[in-house]
Amino acid sequence: MLSVDRLVALAGILAFIVVTSVAARRVDPGFARWSTTGLVVGIIAARIAHVALNWSTFAEYPWRAVAVWQGGFFWPAGVLAALILLLVQVRHTHGRIAGIAGVAVGLFVWNAASLLTSGVDPVPLPGNPLQTLAGEAVSLPELAGRPMVINLWATWCPPCRREMPMMANVAASSSDVTFVFANQGEDASRIRRYLSQENLLLPNVLIDGLGELGRHYSAPGLPATLFVGEDGRLVDIQLGEVSREALLQKLDDL
């Protein structure tokens, strides 16, 4: 799954491509060349700026700088790089105006889509009991009282497996937030075997054998990370793999 923030970014990029493709037919060849290289350079610059601004979380695992599927782009740096390249490659005034228009339309679509998709229904915690790995019944309201992060995952899900060590590390260092790792549809022996093989220590591992949490929160796939306030109501949801930077930011917001 792709998270909503990445989908709306793709919508903005698509709008930029459409506008610049139409304009390229009527402007000089330099503009056609810029419409492609400007997009690539802008994305690279936005990623580099994001890594630089969040270097404290990238320092331990520098290879994560190329893990663009996790998200993380500082768009002002990307726009600035694309516009500088526009001034260098395109000399014609009409071409520069068309380039600025393409960037503006892309940003407008991105922002509009973000506003339309922002916010979630404040769904309360479900009261149905889930099972611990020891076979005990636990309901999520019993764990409430402070902010809560609920991760819906499964051992067969590659993005779940990629983000799990990071989430375990953040959970271990977050004393003011309750983390719950609700496995979807697998039995205790398989979960224990996976955690042992990966040497993962997770708090509050629960078994949601019928995937009731996913249906309760309308999560269409895995992984999904739910952010719940002290009152037990949903505040935010991350669909798809979450990066350390995004997780820490959402914890701060929570």
Protein backbone atom coordinates (compact mmCIF):
# COMPACT_ATOMS: atom_id res chain seq x y z
CA MET A 1 0.00 0.00 0.00
CA LEU A 2 0.96 3.60 -0.54
CA SER A 3 0.19 6.07 2.22
CA VAL A 4 -2.12 8.98 1.46
CA ASP A 5 0.66 11.56 1.63
CA ARG A 6 2.56 9.72 -1.10
CA LEU A 7 -0.53 9.36 -3.25
CA VAL A 8 -1.27 13.09 -3.13
CA ALA A 9 2.37 13.82 -3.96
CA LEU A 10 2.03 11.57 -7.01
CA ALA A 11 -1.12 13.49 -7.97
CA GLY A 12 0.87 16.75 -7.88
CA ILE A 13 3.66 15.21 -9.96
CA LEU A 14 1.13 13.95 -12.51
CA ALA A 15 -0.40 17.44 -12.80
CA PHE A 16 3.09 18.88 -13.35
CA ILE A 17 3.81 16.31 -16.09
CA VAL A 18 0.52 17.03 -17.88
CA VAL A 19 0.99 20.82 -17.85
CA THR A 20 4.63 20.71 -18.96
CA SER A 21 3.91 18.09 -21.64
CA VAL A 22 1.25 20.31 -23.19
CA ALA A 23 3.47 23.38 -22.97
CA ALA A 24 6.48 21.55 -24.44
CA ARG A 25 4.67 21.26 -27.78
CA ARG A 26 4.53 25.04 -28.11
CA VAL A 27 7.80 26.12 -26.52
CA ASP A 28 11.48 25.75 -27.45
CA PRO A 29 13.32 22.39 -27.13
CA GLY A 30 15.06 23.60 -23.97
CA PHE A 31 11.76 23.56 -22.15
CA ALA A 32 10.99 19.99 -23.21
CA ARG A 33 14.38 18.93 -21.86
CA TRP A 34 13.82 20.81 -18.58
CA SER A 35 10.37 19.32 -17.98
CA THR A 36 12.01 15.91 -17.56
CA THR A 37 15.30 16.77 -15.89
CA GLY A 38 13.63 19.37 -13.67
CA LEU A 39 11.33 16.73 -12.19
CA VAL A 40 14.20 14.31 -11.55
CA VAL A 41 16.51 16.97 -10.11
CA GLY A 42 13.69 18.34 -7.95
CA ILE A 43 12.91 14.94 -6.45
CA ILE A 44 16.61 14.24 -5.76
CA ALA A 45 17.10 17.68 -4.17
CA ALA A 46 13.99 17.25 -2.01
CA ARG A 47 15.24 13.88 -0.78
CA ILE A 48 18.77 15.15 -0.05
CA ALA A 49 17.35 18.09 1.90
CA HIS A 50 15.10 15.78 3.92
CA VAL A 51 18.03 13.52 4.80
CA ALA A 52 20.18 16.52 5.77
CA LEU A 53 17.46 18.01 7.97
CA ASN A 54 16.90 14.66 9.70
CA TRP A 55 20.48 13.41 9.74
CA SER A 56 20.30 12.44 13.42
CA THR A 57 17.88 9.63 12.52
CA PHE A 58 19.80 8.63 9.36
CA ALA A 59 23.28 8.59 10.92
CA GLU A 60 23.02 5.08 12.35
CA TYR A 61 21.78 3.59 9.06
CA PRO A 62 22.97 5.89 6.23
CA TRP A 63 21.69 3.43 3.58
CA ARG A 64 18.20 4.59 4.48
CA ALA A 65 18.92 7.74 2.49
CA VAL A 66 18.06 5.78 -0.66
CA ALA A 67 14.96 4.12 0.86
CA VAL A 68 12.66 6.51 -0.96
CA TRP A 69 9.71 4.09 -0.67
CA GLN A 70 9.52 5.12 3.00
CA GLY A 71 8.71 8.68 1.97
CA GLY A 72 10.45 11.80 3.20
CA PHE A 73 10.98 14.76 0.86
CA PHE A 74 11.50 18.44 1.70
CA TRP A 75 9.50 19.95 -1.14
CA PRO A 76 10.78 23.60 -0.92
CA ALA A 77 14.29 22.37 -1.78
CA GLY A 78 12.93 20.38 -4.75
CA VAL A 79 10.98 23.35 -6.10
CA LEU A 80 13.97 25.66 -5.72
CA ALA A 81 16.29 23.23 -7.53
CA ALA A 82 13.79 22.81 -10.40
CA LEU A 83 13.35 26.57 -10.79
CA ILE A 84 17.12 27.21 -10.79
CA LEU A 85 17.49 24.57 -13.48
CA LEU A 86 14.66 26.26 -15.40
CA LEU A 87 16.59 29.55 -15.46
CA VAL A 88 19.72 27.76 -16.67
CA GLN A 89 18.21 25.54 -19.37
CA VAL A 90 15.36 27.70 -20.68
CA ARG A 91 16.24 31.12 -22.08
CA HIS A 92 12.90 31.92 -23.66
CA THR A 93 10.57 34.04 -21.51
CA HIS A 94 7.50 32.05 -22.55
CA GLY A 95 9.28 28.84 -21.60
CA ARG A 96 10.14 30.14 -18.15
CA ILE A 97 6.55 31.28 -17.59
CA ALA A 98 5.29 27.85 -18.68
CA GLY A 99 7.76 26.15 -16.32
CA ILE A 100 6.67 28.27 -13.37
CA ALA A 101 3.04 27.54 -14.26
CA GLY A 102 3.73 23.81 -14.30
CA VAL A 103 5.34 23.95 -10.87
CA ALA A 104 2.48 26.09 -9.52
CA VAL A 105 -0.21 23.73 -10.83
CA GLY A 106 1.61 20.72 -9.39
CA LEU A 107 1.86 22.38 -5.98
CA PHE A 108 -1.79 23.45 -6.11
CA VAL A 109 -3.01 19.92 -6.89
CA TRP A 110 -0.75 18.46 -4.20
CA ASN A 111 -1.99 20.94 -1.59
CA ALA A 112 -5.65 20.58 -2.59
CA ALA A 113 -5.47 16.78 -2.51
CA SER A 114 -3.75 16.94 0.89
CA LEU A 115 -6.51 19.11 2.31
CA LEU A 116 -9.24 16.89 0.89
CA THR A 117 -7.71 13.72 2.32
CA SER A 118 -6.56 15.12 5.68
CA GLY A 119 -8.29 14.23 8.89
CA VAL A 120 -9.81 10.97 10.08
CA ASP A 121 -13.03 10.04 11.83
CA PRO A 122 -12.44 9.90 15.61
CA VAL A 123 -13.26 6.21 15.80
CA PRO A 124 -13.19 4.91 19.42
CA LEU A 125 -11.25 1.85 20.49
CA PRO A 126 -13.15 -1.40 19.94
CA GLY A 127 -14.17 -3.30 23.05
CA ASN A 128 -13.82 -6.84 21.69
CA PRO A 129 -11.07 -8.88 23.39
CA LEU A 130 -7.87 -9.89 21.62
CA GLN A 131 -5.47 -12.65 22.65
CA THR A 132 -1.94 -12.27 23.99
CA LEU A 133 0.74 -14.77 22.98
CA ALA A 134 0.11 -16.45 26.34
CA GLY A 135 -3.55 -16.93 25.48
CA GLU A 136 -4.93 -14.27 27.80
CA ALA A 137 -7.83 -12.04 26.73
CA VAL A 138 -7.07 -8.29 26.56
CA SER A 139 -9.21 -5.46 25.24
CA LEU A 140 -7.61 -2.26 23.96
CA PRO A 141 -9.59 0.04 26.31
CA GLU A 142 -7.78 -1.72 29.17
CA LEU A 143 -4.49 -0.35 27.80
CA ALA A 144 -5.85 3.18 27.28
CA GLY A 145 -5.21 6.21 29.47
CA ARG A 146 -2.35 7.70 27.49
CA PRO A 147 -1.60 8.06 23.77
CA MET A 148 -1.46 4.75 21.92
CA VAL A 149 0.11 3.51 18.69
CA ILE A 150 -1.46 0.37 17.22
CA ASN A 151 0.46 -1.36 14.44
CA LEU A 152 -1.45 -3.84 12.27
CA TRP A 153 1.00 -6.34 10.81
CA ALA A 154 1.67 -9.89 9.69
CA THR A 155 4.81 -11.99 9.30
CA TRP A 156 4.15 -12.54 5.55
CA CYS A 157 4.02 -8.77 4.85
CA PRO A 158 7.40 -7.46 3.51
CA PRO A 159 6.83 -3.76 4.45
CA CYS A 160 5.74 -4.90 7.93
CA ARG A 161 8.97 -6.83 8.31
CA ARG A 162 11.05 -3.87 7.09
CA GLU A 163 9.55 -1.38 9.54
CA MET A 164 9.30 -3.72 12.54
CA PRO A 165 12.89 -3.37 13.92
CA MET A 166 12.60 0.43 13.74
CA MET A 167 9.20 0.40 15.44
CA ALA A 168 10.51 -1.91 18.16
CA ASN A 169 13.37 0.51 18.79
CA VAL A 170 11.07 3.54 18.96
CA ALA A 171 8.62 1.69 21.21
CA ALA A 172 11.42 0.80 23.63
CA SER A 173 12.42 4.47 23.94
CA SER A 174 8.90 5.93 24.20
CA SER A 175 7.81 5.74 27.82
CA ASP A 176 4.86 8.12 27.43
CA VAL A 177 3.13 6.22 24.60
CA THR A 178 1.62 2.72 24.66
CA PHE A 179 2.60 0.62 21.64
CA VAL A 180 0.42 -2.29 20.58
CA PHE A 181 1.44 -4.72 17.83
CA ALA A 182 -1.73 -6.46 16.65
CA ASN A 183 -0.95 -9.37 14.37
CA GLN A 184 -3.58 -9.99 11.72
CA GLY A 185 -4.74 -13.54 11.13
CA GLU A 186 -1.80 -15.66 12.35
CA ASP A 187 -1.42 -18.01 15.28
CA ALA A 188 0.78 -17.64 18.36
CA SER A 189 3.37 -20.25 17.36
CA ARG A 190 4.09 -18.57 14.02
CA ILE A 191 4.34 -15.14 15.66
CA ARG A 192 6.70 -16.43 18.37
CA ARG A 193 8.89 -18.12 15.76
CA TYR A 194 9.14 -14.94 13.70
CA LEU A 195 9.96 -12.75 16.71
CA SER A 196 12.61 -15.24 17.84
CA GLN A 197 14.21 -15.53 14.40
CA GLU A 198 14.36 -11.75 14.01
CA ASN A 199 15.42 -11.19 17.64
CA LEU A 200 12.59 -8.69 18.16
CA LEU A 201 11.32 -7.60 21.55
CA LEU A 202 7.88 -6.06 21.13
CA PRO A 203 5.55 -4.80 23.84
CA ASN A 204 1.85 -5.74 23.84
CA VAL A 205 1.85 -8.29 21.03
CA LEU A 206 -1.79 -9.22 20.46
CA ILE A 207 -3.45 -11.69 18.10
CA ASP A 208 -6.32 -10.41 15.99
CA GLY A 209 -7.13 -13.70 14.32
CA LEU A 210 -10.11 -12.47 12.31
CA GLY A 211 -8.67 -9.07 11.35
CA GLU A 212 -11.38 -7.23 13.28
CA LEU A 213 -9.18 -4.19 13.96
CA GLY A 214 -8.56 -3.66 10.25
CA ARG A 215 -12.30 -3.67 9.58
CA HIS A 216 -13.07 -1.50 12.62
CA TYR A 217 -10.69 1.22 11.38
CA SER A 218 -11.34 0.61 7.64
CA ALA A 219 -7.67 -0.18 6.98
CA PRO A 220 -7.57 -1.67 3.45
CA GLY A 221 -4.26 -3.51 3.83
CA LEU A 222 -1.01 -3.98 5.74
CA PRO A 223 0.88 -2.46 7.34
CA ALA A 224 -1.32 0.15 8.97
CA THR A 225 -0.32 2.24 11.98
CA LEU A 226 -3.06 3.85 14.07
CA PHE A 227 -2.46 6.83 16.35
CA VAL A 228 -4.95 7.03 19.20
CA GLY A 229 -5.32 9.90 21.68
CA GLU A 230 -5.62 9.67 25.45
CA ASP A 231 -9.41 9.61 25.08
CA GLY A 232 -9.22 6.39 23.08
CA ARG A 233 -10.25 7.97 19.78
CA LEU A 234 -8.38 7.75 16.49
CA VAL A 235 -6.29 10.84 15.71
CA ASP A 236 -4.30 9.77 12.64
CA ILE A 237 -3.55 6.72 10.52
CA GLN A 238 -0.54 5.78 8.43
CA LEU A 239 -1.27 3.32 5.64
CA GLY A 240 1.78 1.55 4.27
CA GLU A 241 5.34 1.50 5.55
CA VAL A 242 6.26 4.33 7.92
CA SER A 243 9.73 5.85 8.21
CA ARG A 244 11.39 6.65 11.53
CA GLU A 245 11.12 10.39 10.81
CA ALA A 246 7.40 10.18 10.04
CA LEU A 247 6.74 8.03 13.09
CA LEU A 248 8.60 10.39 15.43
CA GLN A 249 6.76 13.39 13.94
CA LYS A 250 3.39 11.70 14.41
CA LEU A 251 4.32 10.81 18.00
CA ASP A 252 5.12 14.47 18.64
CA ASP A 253 1.76 15.47 17.13
CA LEU A 254 0.01 12.82 19.21
